[in-house]
Amino acid sequence: MTSERKTLLDRELFTEALRHMSEADLRYLNRMVVERLNLLDQARSTVQLAQFAQGDRVSFIANDGMEKHGTVLRLNKKTVSLRTDDQMLWKVSPGLLRKPGR
């Protein structure tokens, strides 16, 4: 409970501090927030990608709502390249992929 209250108090102090920042300070803070969000996104993507390996069988729901099945060809920086059973090539976010039986 103390940690939760401290966070709320910190947010209130931070909000008050924001009201007094110059444009230059706000732009700097924005840059720092964007960098932190990008880092968190990259870490999440890395964890998701680590669940798959070349040759794995996977499935996903395509834009048309149909379930597609295929084989992982390559792990890219943010996506998984795969060939579906109908011989189409796809680049899919790892968060959208499922291994059979899951």
PDB file of N, CA and C in Angstrom:
ATOM      1  N   MET A   1       0.830  -1.192   0.000  1.00  0.00           N
ATOM      2  CA  MET A   1       0.000   0.000   0.000  1.00  0.00           C
ATOM      3  C   MET A   1       0.872   1.252   0.000  1.00  0.00           C
ATOM      4  N   THR A   2       1.968   1.223   0.745  1.00  0.00           N
ATOM      5  CA  THR A   2       2.847   2.394   0.805  1.00  0.00           C
ATOM      6  C   THR A   2       3.431   2.702  -0.566  1.00  0.00           C
ATOM      7  N   SER A   3       3.869   1.670  -1.283  1.00  0.00           N
ATOM      8  CA  SER A   3       4.435   1.864  -2.616  1.00  0.00           C
ATOM      9  C   SER A   3       3.397   2.461  -3.558  1.00  0.00           C
ATOM     10  N   GLU A   4       2.157   1.966  -3.465  1.00  0.00           N
ATOM     11  CA  GLU A   4       1.078   2.480  -4.314  1.00  0.00           C
ATOM     12  C   GLU A   4       0.819   3.955  -4.015  1.00  0.00           C
ATOM     13  N   ARG A   5       0.797   4.312  -2.754  1.00  0.00           N
ATOM     14  CA  ARG A   5       0.563   5.703  -2.367  1.00  0.00           C
ATOM     15  C   ARG A   5       1.726   6.581  -2.821  1.00  0.00           C
ATOM     16  N   LYS A   6       2.948   6.072  -2.687  1.00  0.00           N
ATOM     17  CA  LYS A   6       4.126   6.825  -3.112  1.00  0.00           C
ATOM     18  C   LYS A   6       4.064   7.095  -4.617  1.00  0.00           C
ATOM     19  N   THR A   7       3.650   6.115  -5.399  1.00  0.00           N
ATOM     20  CA  THR A   7       3.538   6.284  -6.847  1.00  0.00           C
ATOM     21  C   THR A   7       2.524   7.376  -7.176  1.00  0.00           C
ATOM     22  N   LEU A   8       1.387   7.360  -6.495  1.00  0.00           N
ATOM     23  CA  LEU A   8       0.374   8.391  -6.742  1.00  0.00           C
ATOM     24  C   LEU A   8       0.906   9.770  -6.382  1.00  0.00           C
ATOM     25  N   LEU A   9       1.603   9.864  -5.271  1.00  0.00           N
ATOM     26  CA  LEU A   9       2.180  11.138  -4.853  1.00  0.00           C
ATOM     27  C   LEU A   9       3.228  11.593  -5.862  1.00  0.00           C
ATOM     28  N   ASP A  10       4.076  10.648  -6.304  1.00  0.00           N
ATOM     29  CA  ASP A  10       5.090  10.976  -7.300  1.00  0.00           C
ATOM     30  C   ASP A  10       4.448  11.470  -8.594  1.00  0.00           C
ATOM     31  N   ARG A  11       3.355  10.870  -8.989  1.00  0.00           N
ATOM     32  CA  ARG A  11       2.666  11.296 -10.210  1.00  0.00           C
ATOM     33  C   ARG A  11       2.102  12.704 -10.047  1.00  0.00           C
ATOM     34  N   GLU A  12       1.563  12.979  -8.890  1.00  0.00           N
ATOM     35  CA  GLU A  12       1.037  14.324  -8.640  1.00  0.00           C
ATOM     36  C   GLU A  12       2.161  15.358  -8.679  1.00  0.00           C
ATOM     37  N   LEU A  13       3.293  15.043  -8.063  1.00  0.00           N
ATOM     38  CA  LEU A  13       4.439  15.958  -8.094  1.00  0.00           C
ATOM     39  C   LEU A  13       4.954  16.128  -9.525  1.00  0.00           C
ATOM     40  N   PHE A  14       4.994  15.029 -10.258  1.00  0.00           N
ATOM     41  CA  PHE A  14       5.462  15.077 -11.640  1.00  0.00           C
ATOM     42  C   PHE A  14       4.529  15.934 -12.495  1.00  0.00           C
ATOM     43  N   THR A  15       3.230  15.747 -12.313  1.00  0.00           N
ATOM     44  CA  THR A  15       2.240  16.535 -13.060  1.00  0.00           C
ATOM     45  C   THR A  15       2.405  18.019 -12.754  1.00  0.00           C
ATOM     46  N   GLU A  16       2.624  18.333 -11.513  1.00  0.00           N
ATOM     47  CA  GLU A  16       2.833  19.739 -11.133  1.00  0.00           C
ATOM     48  C   GLU A  16       4.121  20.270 -11.762  1.00  0.00           C
ATOM     49  N   ALA A  17       5.172  19.465 -11.755  1.00  0.00           N
ATOM     50  CA  ALA A  17       6.440  19.881 -12.353  1.00  0.00           C
ATOM     51  C   ALA A  17       6.279  20.137 -13.856  1.00  0.00           C
ATOM     52  N   LEU A  18       5.478  19.303 -14.520  1.00  0.00           N
ATOM     53  CA  LEU A  18       5.231  19.487 -15.955  1.00  0.00           C
ATOM     54  C   LEU A  18       4.657  20.864 -16.263  1.00  0.00           C
ATOM     55  N   ARG A  19       3.803  21.328 -15.398  1.00  0.00           N
ATOM     56  CA  ARG A  19       3.147  22.620 -15.625  1.00  0.00           C
ATOM     57  C   ARG A  19       4.140  23.780 -15.636  1.00  0.00           C
ATOM     58  N   HIS A  20       5.295  23.575 -15.054  1.00  0.00           N
ATOM     59  CA  HIS A  20       6.289  24.650 -14.943  1.00  0.00           C
ATOM     60  C   HIS A  20       7.476  24.478 -15.894  1.00  0.00           C
ATOM     61  N   MET A  21       7.445  23.450 -16.727  1.00  0.00           N
ATOM     62  CA  MET A  21       8.570  23.195 -17.634  1.00  0.00           C
ATOM     63  C   MET A  21       8.491  24.085 -18.869  1.00  0.00           C
ATOM     64  N   SER A  22       9.660  24.427 -19.361  1.00  0.00           N
ATOM     65  CA  SER A  22       9.744  25.198 -20.606  1.00  0.00           C
ATOM     66  C   SER A  22       9.521  24.262 -21.793  1.00  0.00           C
ATOM     67  N   GLU A  23       9.359  24.863 -22.954  1.00  0.00           N
ATOM     68  CA  GLU A  23       9.180  24.055 -24.163  1.00  0.00           C
ATOM     69  C   GLU A  23      10.400  23.169 -24.398  1.00  0.00           C
ATOM     70  N   ALA A  24      11.586  23.711 -24.198  1.00  0.00           N
ATOM     71  CA  ALA A  24      12.809  22.931 -24.390  1.00  0.00           C
ATOM     72  C   ALA A  24      12.855  21.735 -23.440  1.00  0.00           C
ATOM     73  N   ASP A  25      12.477  21.949 -22.183  1.00  0.00           N
ATOM     74  CA  ASP A  25      12.449  20.853 -21.210  1.00  0.00           C
ATOM     75  C   ASP A  25      11.422  19.793 -21.609  1.00  0.00           C
ATOM     76  N   LEU A  26      10.258  20.237 -22.083  1.00  0.00           N
ATOM     77  CA  LEU A  26       9.224  19.301 -22.496  1.00  0.00           C
ATOM     78  C   LEU A  26       9.655  18.488 -23.711  1.00  0.00           C
ATOM     79  N   ARG A  27      10.335  19.121 -24.645  1.00  0.00           N
ATOM     80  CA  ARG A  27      10.829  18.399 -25.823  1.00  0.00           C
ATOM     81  C   ARG A  27      11.877  17.359 -25.417  1.00  0.00           C
ATOM     82  N   TYR A  28      12.744  17.718 -24.488  1.00  0.00           N
ATOM     83  CA  TYR A  28      13.747  16.780 -23.980  1.00  0.00           C
ATOM     84  C   TYR A  28      13.056  15.601 -23.292  1.00  0.00           C
ATOM     85  N   LEU A  29      12.099  15.898 -22.442  1.00  0.00           N
ATOM     86  CA  LEU A  29      11.357  14.858 -21.737  1.00  0.00           C
ATOM     87  C   LEU A  29      10.626  13.949 -22.723  1.00  0.00           C
ATOM     88  N   ASN A  30      10.035  14.526 -23.745  1.00  0.00           N
ATOM     89  CA  ASN A  30       9.357  13.748 -24.780  1.00  0.00           C
ATOM     90  C   ASN A  30      10.330  12.787 -25.453  1.00  0.00           C
ATOM     91  N   ARG A  31      11.512  13.276 -25.798  1.00  0.00           N
ATOM     92  CA  ARG A  31      12.526  12.432 -26.434  1.00  0.00           C
ATOM     93  C   ARG A  31      12.894  11.256 -25.532  1.00  0.00           C
ATOM     94  N   MET A  32      13.035  11.531 -24.229  1.00  0.00           N
ATOM     95  CA  MET A  32      13.383  10.483 -23.275  1.00  0.00           C
ATOM     96  C   MET A  32      12.254   9.452 -23.146  1.00  0.00           C
ATOM     97  N   VAL A  33      11.011   9.905 -23.131  1.00  0.00           N
ATOM     98  CA  VAL A  33       9.859   9.002 -23.025  1.00  0.00           C
ATOM     99  C   VAL A  33       9.773   8.118 -24.264  1.00  0.00           C
ATOM    100  N   VAL A  34       9.948   8.702 -25.433  1.00  0.00           N
ATOM    101  CA  VAL A  34       9.886   7.931 -26.678  1.00  0.00           C
ATOM    102  C   VAL A  34      10.989   6.880 -26.708  1.00  0.00           C
ATOM    103  N   GLU A  35      12.195   7.240 -26.301  1.00  0.00           N
ATOM    104  CA  GLU A  35      13.299   6.281 -26.257  1.00  0.00           C
ATOM    105  C   GLU A  35      12.982   5.132 -25.306  1.00  0.00           C
ATOM    106  N   ARG A  36      12.417   5.441 -24.151  1.00  0.00           N
ATOM    107  CA  ARG A  36      12.076   4.405 -23.168  1.00  0.00           C
ATOM    108  C   ARG A  36      10.983   3.490 -23.709  1.00  0.00           C
ATOM    109  N   LEU A  37       9.967   4.050 -24.348  1.00  0.00           N
ATOM    110  CA  LEU A  37       8.902   3.235 -24.931  1.00  0.00           C
ATOM    111  C   LEU A  37       9.441   2.329 -26.034  1.00  0.00           C
ATOM    112  N   ASN A  38      10.345   2.846 -26.856  1.00  0.00           N
ATOM    113  CA  ASN A  38      10.955   2.035 -27.908  1.00  0.00           C
ATOM    114  C   ASN A  38      11.758   0.888 -27.314  1.00  0.00           C
ATOM    115  N   LEU A  39      12.487   1.158 -26.239  1.00  0.00           N
ATOM    116  CA  LEU A  39      13.274   0.119 -25.571  1.00  0.00           C
ATOM    117  C   LEU A  39      12.358  -0.973 -25.017  1.00  0.00           C
ATOM    118  N   LEU A  40      11.266  -0.584 -24.371  1.00  0.00           N
ATOM    119  CA  LEU A  40      10.315  -1.560 -23.837  1.00  0.00           C
ATOM    120  C   LEU A  40       9.694  -2.394 -24.957  1.00  0.00           C
ATOM    121  N   ASP A  41       9.360  -1.746 -26.076  1.00  0.00           N
ATOM    122  CA  ASP A  41       8.782  -2.444 -27.220  1.00  0.00           C
ATOM    123  C   ASP A  41       9.771  -3.448 -27.799  1.00  0.00           C
ATOM    124  N   GLN A  42      11.032  -3.045 -27.896  1.00  0.00           N
ATOM    125  CA  GLN A  42      12.062  -3.928 -28.428  1.00  0.00           C
ATOM    126  C   GLN A  42      12.276  -5.135 -27.509  1.00  0.00           C
ATOM    127  N   ALA A  43      12.269  -4.903 -26.207  1.00  0.00           N
ATOM    128  CA  ALA A  43      12.429  -6.004 -25.251  1.00  0.00           C
ATOM    129  C   ALA A  43      11.256  -6.982 -25.359  1.00  0.00           C
ATOM    130  N   ARG A  44      10.030  -6.466 -25.476  1.00  0.00           N
ATOM    131  CA  ARG A  44       8.847  -7.310 -25.608  1.00  0.00           C
ATOM    132  C   ARG A  44       8.932  -8.138 -26.889  1.00  0.00           C
ATOM    133  N   SER A  45       9.339  -7.507 -27.977  1.00  0.00           N
ATOM    134  CA  SER A  45       9.454  -8.193 -29.257  1.00  0.00           C
ATOM    135  C   SER A  45      10.513  -9.298 -29.190  1.00  0.00           C
ATOM    136  N   THR A  46      11.625  -9.028 -28.525  1.00  0.00           N
ATOM    137  CA  THR A  46      12.691 -10.020 -28.389  1.00  0.00           C
ATOM    138  C   THR A  46      12.205 -11.239 -27.616  1.00  0.00           C
ATOM    139  N   VAL A  47      11.465 -11.012 -26.547  1.00  0.00           N
ATOM    140  CA  VAL A  47      10.914 -12.119 -25.759  1.00  0.00           C
ATOM    141  C   VAL A  47       9.947 -12.939 -26.602  1.00  0.00           C
ATOM    142  N   GLN A  48       9.085 -12.264 -27.360  1.00  0.00           N
ATOM    143  CA  GLN A  48       8.129 -12.974 -28.209  1.00  0.00           C
ATOM    144  C   GLN A  48       8.842 -13.769 -29.307  1.00  0.00           C
ATOM    145  N   LEU A  49       9.863 -13.170 -29.923  1.00  0.00           N
ATOM    146  CA  LEU A  49      10.606 -13.850 -30.985  1.00  0.00           C
ATOM    147  C   LEU A  49      11.336 -15.078 -30.466  1.00  0.00           C
ATOM    148  N   ALA A  50      11.788 -15.037 -29.208  1.00  0.00           N
ATOM    149  CA  ALA A  50      12.555 -16.141 -28.622  1.00  0.00           C
ATOM    150  C   ALA A  50      11.728 -17.419 -28.500  1.00  0.00           C
ATOM    151  N   GLN A  51      10.417 -17.315 -28.628  1.00  0.00           N
ATOM    152  CA  GLN A  51       9.546 -18.492 -28.543  1.00  0.00           C
ATOM    153  C   GLN A  51       9.567 -19.326 -29.820  1.00  0.00           C
ATOM    154  N   PHE A  52      10.153 -18.793 -30.885  1.00  0.00           N
ATOM    155  CA  PHE A  52      10.102 -19.453 -32.181  1.00  0.00           C
ATOM    156  C   PHE A  52      11.503 -19.697 -32.726  1.00  0.00           C
ATOM    157  N   ALA A  53      11.599 -20.691 -33.610  1.00  0.00           N
ATOM    158  CA  ALA A  53      12.854 -21.011 -34.283  1.00  0.00           C
ATOM    159  C   ALA A  53      12.550 -21.378 -35.725  1.00  0.00           C
ATOM    160  N   GLN A  54      13.559 -21.274 -36.554  1.00  0.00           N
ATOM    161  CA  GLN A  54      13.404 -21.644 -37.960  1.00  0.00           C
ATOM    162  C   GLN A  54      12.920 -23.088 -38.037  1.00  0.00           C
ATOM    163  N   GLY A  55      11.911 -23.324 -38.866  1.00  0.00           N
ATOM    164  CA  GLY A  55      11.367 -24.667 -39.043  1.00  0.00           C
ATOM    165  C   GLY A  55      10.149 -24.967 -38.182  1.00  0.00           C
ATOM    166  N   ASP A  56       9.858 -24.121 -37.191  1.00  0.00           N
ATOM    167  CA  ASP A  56       8.683 -24.328 -36.335  1.00  0.00           C
ATOM    168  C   ASP A  56       7.403 -24.240 -37.155  1.00  0.00           C
ATOM    169  N   ARG A  57       6.442 -25.068 -36.795  1.00  0.00           N
ATOM    170  CA  ARG A  57       5.098 -24.974 -37.363  1.00  0.00           C
ATOM    171  C   ARG A  57       4.319 -23.970 -36.524  1.00  0.00           C
ATOM    172  N   VAL A  58       3.612 -23.065 -37.184  1.00  0.00           N
ATOM    173  CA  VAL A  58       2.854 -22.021 -36.499  1.00  0.00           C
ATOM    174  C   VAL A  58       1.525 -21.793 -37.201  1.00  0.00           C
ATOM    175  N   SER A  59       0.648 -21.086 -36.496  1.00  0.00           N
ATOM    176  CA  SER A  59      -0.608 -20.662 -37.101  1.00  0.00           C
ATOM    177  C   SER A  59      -0.895 -19.240 -36.653  1.00  0.00           C
ATOM    178  N   PHE A  60      -1.754 -18.559 -37.416  1.00  0.00           N
ATOM    179  CA  PHE A  60      -2.175 -17.204 -37.085  1.00  0.00           C
ATOM    180  C   PHE A  60      -3.474 -16.917 -37.810  1.00  0.00           C
ATOM    181  N   ILE A  61      -4.152 -15.888 -37.356  1.00  0.00           N
ATOM    182  CA  ILE A  61      -5.393 -15.462 -37.998  1.00  0.00           C
ATOM    183  C   ILE A  61      -5.061 -14.311 -38.943  1.00  0.00           C
ATOM    184  N   ALA A  62      -5.334 -14.490 -40.222  1.00  0.00           N
ATOM    185  CA  ALA A  62      -5.053 -13.470 -41.236  1.00  0.00           C
ATOM    186  C   ALA A  62      -6.104 -12.363 -41.163  1.00  0.00           C
ATOM    187  N   ASN A  63      -5.859 -11.288 -41.907  1.00  0.00           N
ATOM    188  CA  ASN A  63      -6.772 -10.143 -41.928  1.00  0.00           C
ATOM    189  C   ASN A  63      -8.196 -10.507 -42.334  1.00  0.00           C
ATOM    190  N   ASP A  64      -8.331 -11.538 -43.143  1.00  0.00           N
ATOM    191  CA  ASP A  64      -9.662 -11.948 -43.598  1.00  0.00           C
ATOM    192  C   ASP A  64     -10.380 -12.849 -42.588  1.00  0.00           C
ATOM    193  N   GLY A  65      -9.738 -13.108 -41.445  1.00  0.00           N
ATOM    194  CA  GLY A  65     -10.339 -13.921 -40.394  1.00  0.00           C
ATOM    195  C   GLY A  65     -10.068 -15.409 -40.532  1.00  0.00           C
ATOM    196  N   MET A  66      -9.391 -15.795 -41.588  1.00  0.00           N
ATOM    197  CA  MET A  66      -9.080 -17.210 -41.812  1.00  0.00           C
ATOM    198  C   MET A  66      -7.813 -17.596 -41.050  1.00  0.00           C
ATOM    199  N   GLU A  67      -7.831 -18.803 -40.503  1.00  0.00           N
ATOM    200  CA  GLU A  67      -6.632 -19.301 -39.817  1.00  0.00           C
ATOM    201  C   GLU A  67      -5.669 -19.846 -40.860  1.00  0.00           C
ATOM    202  N   LYS A  68      -4.427 -19.388 -40.775  1.00  0.00           N
ATOM    203  CA  LYS A  68      -3.380 -19.835 -41.694  1.00  0.00           C
ATOM    204  C   LYS A  68      -2.377 -20.664 -40.904  1.00  0.00           C
ATOM    205  N   HIS A  69      -1.830 -21.692 -41.560  1.00  0.00           N
ATOM    206  CA  HIS A  69      -0.809 -22.542 -40.955  1.00  0.00           C
ATOM    207  C   HIS A  69       0.425 -22.484 -41.841  1.00  0.00           C
ATOM    208  N   GLY A  70       1.602 -22.504 -41.219  1.00  0.00           N
ATOM    209  CA  GLY A  70       2.810 -22.453 -42.014  1.00  0.00           C
ATOM    210  C   GLY A  70       4.044 -22.816 -41.217  1.00  0.00           C
ATOM    211  N   THR A  71       5.192 -22.571 -41.844  1.00  0.00           N
ATOM    212  CA  THR A  71       6.490 -22.914 -41.273  1.00  0.00           C
ATOM    213  C   THR A  71       7.359 -21.664 -41.208  1.00  0.00           C
ATOM    214  N   VAL A  72       8.018 -21.477 -40.069  1.00  0.00           N
ATOM    215  CA  VAL A  72       8.906 -20.328 -39.881  1.00  0.00           C
ATOM    216  C   VAL A  72      10.118 -20.481 -40.787  1.00  0.00           C
ATOM    217  N   LEU A  73      10.381 -19.444 -41.595  1.00  0.00           N
ATOM    218  CA  LEU A  73      11.550 -19.421 -42.460  1.00  0.00           C
ATOM    219  C   LEU A  73      12.698 -18.640 -41.825  1.00  0.00           C
ATOM    220  N   ARG A  74      12.343 -17.533 -41.159  1.00  0.00           N
ATOM    221  CA  ARG A  74      13.372 -16.637 -40.625  1.00  0.00           C
ATOM    222  C   ARG A  74      12.789 -15.780 -39.513  1.00  0.00           C
ATOM    223  N   LEU A  75      13.627 -15.489 -38.524  1.00  0.00           N
ATOM    224  CA  LEU A  75      13.266 -14.541 -37.474  1.00  0.00           C
ATOM    225  C   LEU A  75      13.919 -13.211 -37.813  1.00  0.00           C
ATOM    226  N   ASN A  76      13.105 -12.196 -38.041  1.00  0.00           N
ATOM    227  CA  ASN A  76      13.594 -10.861 -38.349  1.00  0.00           C
ATOM    228  C   ASN A  76      13.676 -10.061 -37.057  1.00  0.00           C
ATOM    229  N   LYS A  77      13.986  -8.785 -37.156  1.00  0.00           N
ATOM    230  CA  LYS A  77      14.114  -7.950 -35.959  1.00  0.00           C
ATOM    231  C   LYS A  77      12.784  -7.819 -35.208  1.00  0.00           C
ATOM    232  N   LYS A  78      11.680  -7.609 -35.942  1.00  0.00           N
ATOM    233  CA  LYS A  78      10.377  -7.408 -35.310  1.00  0.00           C
ATOM    234  C   LYS A  78       9.299  -8.360 -35.808  1.00  0.00           C
ATOM    235  N   THR A  79       9.595  -9.135 -36.835  1.00  0.00           N
ATOM    236  CA  THR A  79       8.594 -10.022 -37.416  1.00  0.00           C
ATOM    237  C   THR A  79       9.174 -11.412 -37.644  1.00  0.00           C
ATOM    238  N   VAL A  80       8.285 -12.335 -37.961  1.00  0.00           N
ATOM    239  CA  VAL A  80       8.673 -13.692 -38.338  1.00  0.00           C
ATOM    240  C   VAL A  80       8.274 -13.889 -39.792  1.00  0.00           C
ATOM    241  N   SER A  81       9.238 -14.282 -40.627  1.00  0.00           N
ATOM    242  CA  SER A  81       8.936 -14.610 -42.020  1.00  0.00           C
ATOM    243  C   SER A  81       8.535 -16.074 -42.071  1.00  0.00           C
ATOM    244  N   LEU A  82       7.428 -16.351 -42.750  1.00  0.00           N
ATOM    245  CA  LEU A  82       6.980 -17.738 -42.836  1.00  0.00           C
ATOM    246  C   LEU A  82       6.326 -18.008 -44.169  1.00  0.00           C
ATOM    247  N   ARG A  83       6.257 -19.301 -44.495  1.00  0.00           N
ATOM    248  CA  ARG A  83       5.576 -19.750 -45.707  1.00  0.00           C
ATOM    249  C   ARG A  83       4.376 -20.565 -45.242  1.00  0.00           C
ATOM    250  N   THR A  84       3.195 -20.141 -45.689  1.00  0.00           N
ATOM    251  CA  THR A  84       1.986 -20.850 -45.301  1.00  0.00           C
ATOM    252  C   THR A  84       1.837 -22.117 -46.144  1.00  0.00           C
ATOM    253  N   ASP A  85       0.940 -22.980 -45.719  1.00  0.00           N
ATOM    254  CA  ASP A  85       0.728 -24.247 -46.420  1.00  0.00           C
ATOM    255  C   ASP A  85       0.256 -24.043 -47.849  1.00  0.00           C
ATOM    256  N   ASP A  86      -0.332 -22.866 -48.148  1.00  0.00           N
ATOM    257  CA  ASP A  86      -0.740 -22.566 -49.526  1.00  0.00           C
ATOM    258  C   ASP A  86       0.375 -21.862 -50.304  1.00  0.00           C
ATOM    259  N   GLN A  87       1.605 -21.935 -49.772  1.00  0.00           N
ATOM    260  CA  GLN A  87       2.834 -21.434 -50.417  1.00  0.00           C
ATOM    261  C   GLN A  87       2.929 -19.917 -50.504  1.00  0.00           C
ATOM    262  N   MET A  88       2.187 -19.202 -49.691  1.00  0.00           N
ATOM    263  CA  MET A  88       2.279 -17.744 -49.640  1.00  0.00           C
ATOM    264  C   MET A  88       3.328 -17.356 -48.595  1.00  0.00           C
ATOM    265  N   LEU A  89       4.054 -16.262 -48.864  1.00  0.00           N
ATOM    266  CA  LEU A  89       5.042 -15.746 -47.915  1.00  0.00           C
ATOM    267  C   LEU A  89       4.411 -14.641 -47.077  1.00  0.00           C
ATOM    268  N   TRP A  90       4.641 -14.682 -45.774  1.00  0.00           N
ATOM    269  CA  TRP A  90       4.077 -13.708 -44.844  1.00  0.00           C
ATOM    270  C   TRP A  90       5.161 -13.228 -43.899  1.00  0.00           C
ATOM    271  N   LYS A  91       5.032 -11.979 -43.461  1.00  0.00           N
ATOM    272  CA  LYS A  91       5.808 -11.442 -42.338  1.00  0.00           C
ATOM    273  C   LYS A  91       4.783 -11.104 -41.272  1.00  0.00           C
ATOM    274  N   VAL A  92       4.892 -11.768 -40.125  1.00  0.00           N
ATOM    275  CA  VAL A  92       3.873 -11.673 -39.087  1.00  0.00           C
ATOM    276  C   VAL A  92       4.523 -11.293 -37.764  1.00  0.00           C
ATOM    277  N   SER A  93       3.855 -10.435 -37.019  1.00  0.00           N
ATOM    278  CA  SER A  93       4.308 -10.095 -35.677  1.00  0.00           C
ATOM    279  C   SER A  93       4.293 -11.361 -34.824  1.00  0.00           C
ATOM    280  N   PRO A  94       5.348 -11.612 -34.038  1.00  0.00           N
ATOM    281  CA  PRO A  94       5.383 -12.836 -33.236  1.00  0.00           C
ATOM    282  C   PRO A  94       4.247 -12.925 -32.217  1.00  0.00           C
ATOM    283  N   GLY A  95       3.701 -11.800 -31.819  1.00  0.00           N
ATOM    284  CA  GLY A  95       2.594 -11.811 -30.872  1.00  0.00           C
ATOM    285  C   GLY A  95       1.318 -12.391 -31.450  1.00  0.00           C
ATOM    286  N   LEU A  96       1.244 -12.501 -32.774  1.00  0.00           N
ATOM    287  CA  LEU A  96       0.053 -13.038 -33.439  1.00  0.00           C
ATOM    288  C   LEU A  96       0.177 -14.527 -33.756  1.00  0.00           C
ATOM    289  N   LEU A  97       1.364 -15.089 -33.552  1.00  0.00           N
ATOM    290  CA  LEU A  97       1.607 -16.491 -33.902  1.00  0.00           C
ATOM    291  C   LEU A  97       1.317 -17.427 -32.735  1.00  0.00           C
ATOM    292  N   ARG A  98       0.888 -18.629 -33.088  1.00  0.00           N
ATOM    293  CA  ARG A  98       0.656 -19.686 -32.103  1.00  0.00           C
ATOM    294  C   ARG A  98       1.289 -20.963 -32.621  1.00  0.00           C
ATOM    295  N   LYS A  99       1.849 -21.731 -31.704  1.00  0.00           N
ATOM    296  CA  LYS A  99       2.341 -23.055 -32.057  1.00  0.00           C
ATOM    297  C   LYS A  99       1.171 -24.029 -31.969  1.00  0.00           C
ATOM    298  N   PRO A 100       1.187 -25.094 -32.758  1.00  0.00           N
ATOM    299  CA  PRO A 100       0.081 -26.065 -32.708  1.00  0.00           C
ATOM    300  C   PRO A 100      -0.145 -26.585 -31.294  1.00  0.00           C
ATOM    301  N   GLY A 101      -1.400 -26.743 -30.934  1.00  0.00           N
ATOM    302  CA  GLY A 101      -1.737 -27.262 -29.622  1.00  0.00           C
ATOM    303  C   GLY A 101      -1.812 -26.212 -28.533  1.00  0.00           C
ATOM    304  N   ARG A 102      -1.618 -24.933 -28.878  1.00  0.00           N
ATOM    305  CA  ARG A 102      -1.670 -23.856 -27.881  1.00  0.00           C
ATOM    306  C   ARG A 102      -2.853 -22.984 -28.114  1.00  0.00           C
TER     307      ARG A 102
END
